[in-house]
Every structure is written in structure tokens, then in C-alpha cells.
């Protein structure tokens, strides 16, 4: 009886190790795929159908519509 409990524990430990290894590989694969593919949630439409990266905020010195080039601070 004691021997069968030890064998069961060994089997469960091996199964746990296999599941943990598969989970780690899966997480690594997802992280790799997200790192190499473009993130469209961080892209914004330009108005001409194309996309460009950004967060919707203008950077300092960037021309804003309705503003003359002479109005920008250098």
C-alpha cells in the first residue's frame, strides 16, 4: 500500500512538471508573438485609411490642425 502511494505521488509530480513546462512554453510563445506582431490597439487612423503609432496626444513642436506654422514655439 505504501509503495503504491509513493508511485502515485511520483506520477503526479511528473504530470505536474509536464503541465508546468507546457504552460511556461505557451506563455513564452505568446509573449514572443506579441512582441513581433504590430499592436493595432496602439495605432490610430490618419484619416486617409492608413494607420500610424501613437496615443492620441501631440508631441511638443508637432503641428496641430488649425495652427499656423509661425504659432509653434521652437
N, C-alpha and C. Protein backbone atom coordinates (compact mmCIF):
# COMPACT_ATOMS: atom_id res chain seq x y z
N UNK A 1 0.84 -1.20 0.00
CA UNK A 1 0.00 0.00 0.00
C UNK A 1 0.87 1.25 0.00
N UNK A 2 1.90 1.22 0.84
CA UNK A 2 2.80 2.38 0.93
C UNK A 2 3.55 2.60 -0.38
N UNK A 3 3.91 1.48 -1.03
CA UNK A 3 4.64 1.57 -2.30
C UNK A 3 3.75 2.18 -3.39
N UNK A 4 2.47 1.84 -3.41
CA UNK A 4 1.57 2.38 -4.43
C UNK A 4 1.33 3.87 -4.21
N UNK A 5 1.31 4.33 -2.95
CA UNK A 5 1.17 5.77 -2.67
C UNK A 5 2.39 6.53 -3.17
N UNK A 6 3.55 5.96 -2.97
CA UNK A 6 4.78 6.62 -3.44
C UNK A 6 4.80 6.69 -4.97
N UNK A 7 4.37 5.61 -5.61
CA UNK A 7 4.32 5.62 -7.08
C UNK A 7 3.32 6.64 -7.59
N UNK A 8 2.16 6.73 -6.91
CA UNK A 8 1.15 7.71 -7.31
C UNK A 8 1.68 9.14 -7.16
N UNK A 9 2.39 9.40 -6.06
CA UNK A 9 2.97 10.73 -5.84
C UNK A 9 4.00 11.04 -6.92
N UNK A 10 4.83 10.06 -7.28
CA UNK A 10 5.82 10.27 -8.34
C UNK A 10 5.14 10.59 -9.67
N UNK A 11 4.08 9.85 -9.97
CA UNK A 11 3.35 10.08 -11.22
C UNK A 11 2.73 11.48 -11.23
N UNK A 12 2.13 11.86 -10.10
CA UNK A 12 1.52 13.19 -10.02
C UNK A 12 2.56 14.30 -10.13
N UNK A 13 3.73 14.10 -9.55
CA UNK A 13 4.80 15.09 -9.67
C UNK A 13 5.27 15.22 -11.12
N UNK A 14 5.37 14.11 -11.82
CA UNK A 14 5.79 14.15 -13.22
C UNK A 14 4.72 14.85 -14.07
N UNK A 15 3.46 14.54 -13.82
CA UNK A 15 2.37 15.20 -14.55
C UNK A 15 2.39 16.70 -14.28
N UNK A 16 2.60 17.08 -13.03
CA UNK A 16 2.68 18.49 -12.66
C UNK A 16 3.83 19.18 -13.39
N UNK A 17 4.97 18.51 -13.47
CA UNK A 17 6.13 19.06 -14.16
C UNK A 17 5.84 19.25 -15.65
N UNK A 18 5.18 18.28 -16.27
CA UNK A 18 4.85 18.38 -17.69
C UNK A 18 3.89 19.53 -17.94
N UNK A 19 2.85 19.64 -17.11
CA UNK A 19 1.88 20.72 -17.28
C UNK A 19 2.54 22.08 -17.08
N UNK A 20 3.39 22.21 -16.07
CA UNK A 20 4.08 23.48 -15.83
C UNK A 20 5.00 23.85 -16.98
N UNK A 21 5.69 22.86 -17.53
CA UNK A 21 6.58 23.11 -18.67
C UNK A 21 5.78 23.58 -19.89
N UNK A 22 4.66 22.91 -20.15
CA UNK A 22 3.81 23.33 -21.28
C UNK A 22 3.27 24.75 -21.08
N UNK A 23 2.88 25.07 -19.85
CA UNK A 23 2.38 26.41 -19.58
C UNK A 23 3.47 27.46 -19.78
N UNK A 24 4.68 27.17 -19.32
CA UNK A 24 5.79 28.12 -19.49
C UNK A 24 6.12 28.32 -20.97
N UNK A 25 6.10 27.24 -21.74
CA UNK A 25 6.36 27.35 -23.18
C UNK A 25 5.25 28.18 -23.84
N UNK A 26 4.02 27.94 -23.45
CA UNK A 26 2.90 28.70 -24.02
C UNK A 26 2.98 30.18 -23.72
N UNK A 27 3.31 30.53 -22.49
CA UNK A 27 3.44 31.94 -22.12
C UNK A 27 4.59 32.58 -22.89
N UNK A 28 5.69 31.87 -23.01
CA UNK A 28 6.82 32.40 -23.77
C UNK A 28 6.47 32.60 -25.23
N UNK A 29 5.72 31.67 -25.80
CA UNK A 29 5.31 31.79 -27.20
C UNK A 29 4.39 32.98 -27.40
N UNK A 30 3.44 33.17 -26.50
CA UNK A 30 2.52 34.31 -26.61
C UNK A 30 3.27 35.63 -26.47
N UNK A 31 4.20 35.70 -25.54
CA UNK A 31 5.00 36.91 -25.36
C UNK A 31 5.82 37.20 -26.61
N UNK A 32 6.39 36.16 -27.20
CA UNK A 32 7.17 36.33 -28.43
C UNK A 32 6.30 36.82 -29.58
N UNK A 33 5.12 36.20 -29.75
CA UNK A 33 4.24 36.60 -30.84
C UNK A 33 3.76 38.04 -30.67
N UNK A 34 3.45 38.45 -29.44
CA UNK A 34 3.01 39.83 -29.23
C UNK A 34 4.14 40.82 -29.45
N UNK A 35 5.35 40.40 -29.19
CA UNK A 35 6.50 41.28 -29.36
C UNK A 35 6.85 41.46 -30.84
N UNK A 36 6.57 40.45 -31.67
CA UNK A 36 6.96 40.53 -33.07
C UNK A 36 5.83 41.00 -33.98
N UNK A 37 4.59 41.03 -33.52
CA UNK A 37 3.48 41.47 -34.36
C UNK A 37 3.07 42.89 -33.96
N UNK A 38 2.55 43.67 -34.92
CA UNK A 38 2.13 45.03 -34.58
C UNK A 38 0.93 45.03 -33.64
N UNK A 39 0.90 45.99 -32.75
CA UNK A 39 -0.20 46.10 -31.80
C UNK A 39 -1.16 47.15 -32.33
N UNK A 40 -2.25 46.71 -32.94
CA UNK A 40 -3.18 47.63 -33.59
C UNK A 40 -3.98 48.44 -32.58
N UNK A 41 -4.01 48.04 -31.32
CA UNK A 41 -4.73 48.83 -30.33
C UNK A 41 -3.99 50.12 -30.01
N UNK A 42 -2.69 50.19 -30.34
CA UNK A 42 -1.92 51.41 -30.11
C UNK A 42 -1.77 52.22 -31.40
N UNK A 43 -2.53 51.87 -32.43
CA UNK A 43 -2.47 52.59 -33.69
C UNK A 43 -3.71 53.46 -33.81
N UNK A 44 -3.57 54.56 -34.52
CA UNK A 44 -4.69 55.48 -34.71
C UNK A 44 -4.85 55.77 -36.19
N UNK A 45 -6.09 55.97 -36.63
CA UNK A 45 -6.30 56.28 -38.05
C UNK A 45 -5.78 57.67 -38.38
N UNK A 46 -5.23 57.81 -39.59
CA UNK A 46 -4.72 59.09 -40.06
C UNK A 46 -5.77 59.87 -40.81
N UNK A 47 -6.86 59.24 -41.18
CA UNK A 47 -7.87 59.90 -41.96
C UNK A 47 -7.82 59.50 -43.42
N UNK A 48 -6.68 58.97 -43.87
CA UNK A 48 -6.57 58.53 -45.26
C UNK A 48 -6.57 57.00 -45.36
N UNK A 49 -7.03 56.35 -44.32
CA UNK A 49 -7.11 54.90 -44.34
C UNK A 49 -5.88 54.20 -43.81
N UNK A 50 -4.78 54.94 -43.68
CA UNK A 50 -3.56 54.34 -43.15
C UNK A 50 -3.52 54.50 -41.63
N UNK A 51 -2.67 53.75 -41.00
CA UNK A 51 -2.55 53.81 -39.54
C UNK A 51 -1.14 54.29 -39.19
N UNK A 52 -1.03 54.93 -38.04
CA UNK A 52 0.28 55.31 -37.54
C UNK A 52 0.29 55.13 -36.02
N UNK A 53 1.46 54.81 -35.44
CA UNK A 53 1.51 54.59 -33.99
C UNK A 53 1.34 55.89 -33.23
N UNK A 54 0.72 55.82 -32.09
CA UNK A 54 0.55 56.99 -31.25
C UNK A 54 -0.46 56.74 -30.17
N UNK A 55 -0.56 57.67 -29.26
CA UNK A 55 -1.51 57.53 -28.16
C UNK A 55 -2.55 58.64 -28.18
N UNK A 56 -2.65 59.38 -29.27
CA UNK A 56 -3.67 60.42 -29.39
C UNK A 56 -3.24 61.76 -28.83
N UNK A 57 -2.02 61.87 -28.37
CA UNK A 57 -1.54 63.13 -27.81
C UNK A 57 -0.46 63.69 -28.74
N UNK A 58 -0.51 65.00 -28.93
CA UNK A 58 0.50 65.64 -29.75
C UNK A 58 1.79 65.82 -28.97
N UNK A 59 2.88 65.64 -29.66
CA UNK A 59 4.19 65.84 -29.05
C UNK A 59 4.55 67.32 -29.14
N UNK A 60 5.37 67.82 -28.24
CA UNK A 60 5.78 69.23 -28.32
C UNK A 60 6.46 69.53 -29.65
N UNK A 61 6.06 70.64 -30.25
CA UNK A 61 6.63 71.05 -31.52
C UNK A 61 5.95 70.42 -32.71
N UNK A 62 4.94 69.60 -32.48
CA UNK A 62 4.24 68.96 -33.58
C UNK A 62 3.13 69.89 -34.08
N UNK A 63 2.99 69.99 -35.38
CA UNK A 63 1.97 70.86 -35.96
C UNK A 63 0.59 70.31 -35.66
N UNK A 64 -0.30 71.19 -35.20
CA UNK A 64 -1.67 70.79 -34.92
C UNK A 64 -2.59 71.47 -35.93
N UNK A 65 -3.64 70.77 -36.39
CA UNK A 65 -4.56 71.39 -37.35
C UNK A 65 -5.17 72.67 -36.78
N UNK A 66 -5.32 73.67 -37.63
CA UNK A 66 -5.87 74.95 -37.20
C UNK A 66 -4.81 75.86 -36.60
N UNK A 67 -3.58 75.51 -36.72
CA UNK A 67 -2.50 76.29 -36.14
C UNK A 67 -1.51 76.61 -37.25
N UNK A 68 -1.09 77.86 -37.31
CA UNK A 68 -0.11 78.26 -38.29
C UNK A 68 1.26 77.74 -37.89
N UNK A 69 2.11 77.54 -38.89
CA UNK A 69 3.48 77.13 -38.61
C UNK A 69 4.20 78.18 -37.76
N UNK A 70 3.85 79.45 -37.91
CA UNK A 70 4.51 80.51 -37.17
C UNK A 70 4.08 80.52 -35.70
N UNK A 71 2.94 79.86 -35.37
CA UNK A 71 2.46 79.84 -33.99
C UNK A 71 3.23 78.85 -33.11
N UNK A 72 3.97 77.94 -33.73
CA UNK A 72 4.67 76.93 -32.94
C UNK A 72 5.84 77.55 -32.21
N UNK A 73 6.03 77.09 -30.97
CA UNK A 73 7.20 77.55 -30.20
C UNK A 73 8.37 76.66 -30.55
N UNK A 74 9.49 77.26 -30.79
CA UNK A 74 10.68 76.49 -31.16
C UNK A 74 11.55 76.28 -29.96
